[in-house]
Protein backbone atom coordinates (compact mmCIF):
# COMPACT_ATOMS: atom_id res chain seq x y z
CA MET A 1 -0.01 0.00 -0.08
CA ASN A 2 1.45 3.31 -1.05
CA ILE A 3 1.47 6.04 1.54
CA ASP A 4 1.81 9.71 0.77
CA LEU A 5 4.24 10.86 3.32
CA ALA A 6 3.57 14.51 2.60
CA LEU A 7 0.28 14.04 4.33
CA TYR A 8 1.97 13.54 7.57
CA ILE A 9 4.33 16.33 7.39
CA PRO A 10 2.03 18.90 9.27
CA GLU A 11 1.54 16.17 11.99
CA LEU A 12 5.20 15.50 12.25
CA ILE A 13 5.97 19.24 12.78
CA SER A 14 3.38 19.56 15.44
CA VAL A 15 4.57 16.51 17.32
CA SER A 16 8.23 17.70 17.05
CA LEU A 17 7.33 21.20 18.42
CA ILE A 18 5.27 19.63 21.21
CA ALA A 19 8.19 17.25 22.10
CA ILE A 20 10.55 20.24 22.29
CA PHE A 21 8.17 22.09 24.50
CA MET A 22 7.37 19.02 26.56
CA SER A 23 11.03 18.36 27.27
CA ILE A 24 12.23 21.91 28.08
CA SER A 25 9.24 23.01 30.16
CA PRO A 26 10.03 23.05 33.91
CA GLY A 27 8.69 20.37 35.99
CA ALA A 28 9.33 17.30 38.20
CA ASP A 29 11.75 15.65 35.76
CA PHE A 30 13.85 18.80 35.38
CA VAL A 31 14.09 19.14 39.18
CA MET A 32 14.94 15.49 39.60
CA VAL A 33 17.72 15.54 37.02
CA THR A 34 19.01 18.77 38.55
CA ARG A 35 18.98 17.05 41.93
CA ASN A 36 21.00 14.19 40.80
CA SER A 37 23.43 16.11 38.71
CA ILE A 38 24.30 18.49 41.54
CA PHE A 39 24.37 16.11 44.41
CA TYR A 40 25.77 12.91 42.84
CA GLY A 41 27.81 14.14 39.72
CA ARG A 42 27.61 14.13 35.99
CA SER A 43 27.25 10.31 35.57
CA ALA A 44 24.10 10.36 37.94
CA GLY A 45 22.62 13.16 35.91
CA LEU A 46 23.16 11.53 32.58
CA TYR A 47 21.80 8.15 33.62
CA SER A 48 18.72 9.92 35.09
CA SER A 49 18.31 11.66 31.67
CA LEU A 50 18.40 8.38 30.03
CA GLY A 51 15.77 7.08 32.42
CA VAL A 52 13.52 9.85 31.65
CA GLY A 53 14.03 9.53 27.91
CA LEU A 54 13.40 5.75 27.97
CA ALA A 55 10.37 6.18 30.16
CA VAL A 56 8.78 8.09 27.39
CA TRP A 57 8.28 4.87 25.62
CA VAL A 58 5.96 3.70 28.27
CA HIS A 59 3.77 6.63 27.35
CA VAL A 60 4.26 5.91 23.64
CA VAL A 61 3.20 2.24 23.99
CA TYR A 62 -0.11 2.84 25.78
CA SER A 63 -0.92 5.76 23.54
CA ILE A 64 -0.45 3.77 20.44
CA ALA A 65 -2.43 0.93 22.02
CA GLY A 66 -5.33 3.05 22.47
CA LEU A 67 -5.14 3.20 26.22
CA ALA A 68 -4.55 6.88 26.11
CA LEU A 69 -8.11 7.51 25.04
CA ILE A 70 -9.27 5.22 27.79
CA ILE A 71 -7.24 6.87 30.43
CA SER A 72 -8.47 10.27 29.16
CA LYS A 73 -12.03 9.15 29.67
CA SER A 74 -11.47 7.31 33.02
CA VAL A 75 -11.39 9.47 36.19
CA ILE A 76 -10.32 6.45 38.25
CA LEU A 77 -7.36 5.45 36.06
CA PHE A 78 -6.09 8.96 35.67
CA SER A 79 -6.34 9.48 39.36
CA ILE A 80 -4.38 6.37 40.09
CA VAL A 81 -1.48 7.67 37.93
CA LYS A 82 -1.93 11.05 39.38
CA TYR A 83 -1.65 10.03 43.13
CA LEU A 84 1.18 7.59 42.46
CA GLY A 85 3.04 10.38 40.75
CA ALA A 86 2.32 12.73 43.63
CA ALA A 87 3.44 10.27 46.34
CA TYR A 88 6.63 9.52 44.56
CA LEU A 89 7.62 13.14 44.19
CA ILE A 90 6.63 13.90 47.87
CA TYR A 91 8.84 10.88 49.02
CA ILE A 92 11.87 11.83 46.98
CA GLY A 93 11.44 15.49 47.95
CA TRP A 94 11.35 14.72 51.59
CA LYS A 95 14.40 12.45 51.29
CA THR A 96 16.33 15.32 49.56
CA PHE A 97 15.08 17.88 52.13
CA ARG A 98 16.29 15.65 54.91
CA SER A 99 19.55 14.44 53.29
CA SER A 100 23.14 15.58 53.89
CA ALA A 101 24.78 14.45 50.69
CA ASP A 102 28.04 15.88 49.63
CA ILE A 103 28.19 17.47 46.32
CA ASN A 104 30.52 15.41 43.98
CA ILE A 105 32.90 17.87 42.58
CA GLU A 106 35.56 15.29 41.27
CA GLN A 107 32.98 12.68 40.16
CA GLN A 108 34.24 10.27 42.86
CA GLY A 109 34.82 9.89 46.52
CA SER A 110 31.69 11.59 47.83
CA ILE A 111 30.40 10.21 51.20
CA LYS A 112 27.13 9.32 49.73
CA SER A 113 26.76 8.22 46.02
CA LEU A 114 24.15 7.14 43.72
CA SER A 115 24.73 4.16 41.50
CA ASN A 116 24.09 4.45 37.81
CA PHE A 117 21.17 2.04 37.99
CA SER A 118 19.53 3.86 40.83
CA ALA A 119 20.02 7.17 38.94
CA PHE A 120 18.41 5.61 35.90
CA LYS A 121 15.56 4.22 37.98
CA VAL A 122 14.83 7.62 39.58
CA GLY A 123 14.60 9.33 36.12
CA PHE A 124 12.53 6.42 34.79
CA ILE A 125 9.90 6.26 37.59
CA SER A 126 9.82 10.04 37.69
CA ASN A 127 8.75 10.31 34.08
CA VAL A 128 6.57 7.31 33.98
CA LEU A 129 4.46 8.78 37.00
CA ASN A 130 4.78 12.31 35.77
CA VAL A 131 1.22 13.42 35.26
CA LYS A 132 2.35 16.40 33.16
CA THR A 133 3.85 13.94 30.71
CA THR A 134 0.61 11.85 30.76
CA ILE A 135 -1.47 14.81 30.01
CA PHE A 136 0.82 15.70 27.11
CA PHE A 137 0.52 12.32 25.61
CA LEU A 138 -3.17 12.15 26.05
CA SER A 139 -3.25 15.50 24.15
CA ILE A 140 -0.79 14.39 21.33
CA PHE A 141 -2.37 10.95 20.58
CA THR A 142 -6.08 12.03 21.00
CA GLN A 143 -5.88 15.49 19.39
CA VAL A 144 -2.83 15.70 17.08
CA VAL A 145 -2.00 12.22 15.78
CA ASN A 146 -4.67 10.89 13.42
CA PRO A 147 -5.96 7.42 14.33
CA GLU A 148 -5.24 6.40 10.73
CA THR A 149 -1.58 7.38 11.01
CA PRO A 150 0.52 4.19 10.30
CA LEU A 151 2.09 2.46 13.22
CA TRP A 152 5.66 2.95 12.14
CA ILE A 153 5.00 6.80 11.76
CA GLN A 154 3.67 6.81 15.26
CA ILE A 155 6.74 5.00 16.49
CA ILE A 156 8.86 7.60 14.77
CA TYR A 157 6.92 10.19 16.76
CA GLY A 158 7.84 8.42 19.96
CA ALA A 159 11.42 8.29 19.04
CA ILE A 160 11.52 12.06 18.38
CA ILE A 161 9.76 12.72 21.80
CA SER A 162 12.22 10.39 23.57
CA LEU A 163 15.27 11.88 21.91
CA ALA A 164 14.24 15.30 22.65
CA HIS A 165 14.08 14.47 26.35
CA ILE A 166 17.32 12.55 26.42
CA LEU A 167 19.23 15.36 24.62
CA TRP A 168 17.71 18.26 26.74
CA PHE A 169 18.22 16.56 30.05
CA SER A 170 21.68 15.38 29.17
CA ALA A 171 22.63 18.93 28.23
CA VAL A 172 21.10 20.15 31.70
CA ALA A 173 23.21 17.35 33.46
CA ILE A 174 26.35 18.28 31.72
CA PHE A 175 25.91 21.93 32.42
CA LEU A 176 24.87 21.65 36.09
CA SER A 177 27.69 19.19 36.89
CA HIS A 178 30.62 21.34 35.61
CA PRO A 179 33.27 21.52 38.31
CA VAL A 180 33.11 25.33 38.38
CA LEU A 181 29.40 25.26 39.14
CA LEU A 182 29.63 22.41 41.57
CA ARG A 183 32.13 24.33 43.66
CA LYS A 184 29.65 27.23 43.83
CA PHE A 185 26.80 24.69 44.82
CA GLN A 186 29.16 23.24 47.39
CA GLN A 187 29.19 26.50 49.28
CA GLY A 188 25.40 26.51 49.59
CA LYS A 189 24.60 22.77 49.43
CA HIS A 190 22.51 22.74 52.57
CA TYR A 191 20.26 25.39 51.16
CA ILE A 192 20.13 23.83 47.74
CA GLU A 193 19.01 20.51 49.43
CA LYS A 194 16.08 22.30 51.12
CA VAL A 195 15.17 24.20 48.01
CA VAL A 196 15.14 21.17 45.66
CA GLY A 197 13.46 19.00 48.30
CA GLY A 198 10.90 21.61 48.83
CA LEU A 199 10.29 22.00 45.10
CA LEU A 200 9.75 18.28 44.67
CA VAL A 201 7.23 18.10 47.65
CA GLY A 202 5.66 21.13 46.14
CA PHE A 203 5.21 19.55 42.64
CA GLY A 204 3.80 16.42 44.38
CA LEU A 205 1.25 18.47 46.39
CA LYS A 206 0.33 20.41 43.41
CA VAL A 207 -0.33 17.22 41.44
CA ALA A 208 -2.28 15.72 44.29
CA ILE A 209 -4.69 18.68 44.68
CA THR A 210 -5.05 19.52 40.96
CA GLY A 211 -8.38 18.36 39.52
CA ASN A 212 -8.66 15.69 36.92
CA GLY A 213 -10.60 17.91 34.47
């Protein structure tokens, strides 16, 4: 069957622009990557970024499977995702608020460290339970992407969104983990811990009290 790819160019442009906006807009994922990059070093930040980017595929899969439409119509399912995400943000935020992690200037030898797998897991779970990302995908695959769009093109859309997240958050991790900045962060690390922890708790509370509509 011949497919006129030109028909999908407007859709591709729309999805690409939304992907860029979705990745750079401030939110829980940004704070989480910032937290790990500053407190645990560049490697932790990059693995967290990879976790965020790969978690996007969870949203892609359920959107392509048609579950996005079901979730958008089900208050119960949407609420489950919302409250799980809120609880996770509050939990990580409280841990950060109460922590005393040394900022890793030399990328080694910090008193408290975060393994690459743990950093990846934090980023992955953060994005999977990120209600903002869920809402974006509900909008994209119910309003922007035509139900008749071929599966392989929808997969390309998913790859674009995933890559946008990985590139953006990796850039954030590299920038924030620069030794010069880390030395500055070291001077006020206790205040940074309170601010970052407070932001995560705040995001969690905001998610929990925001209506489904």
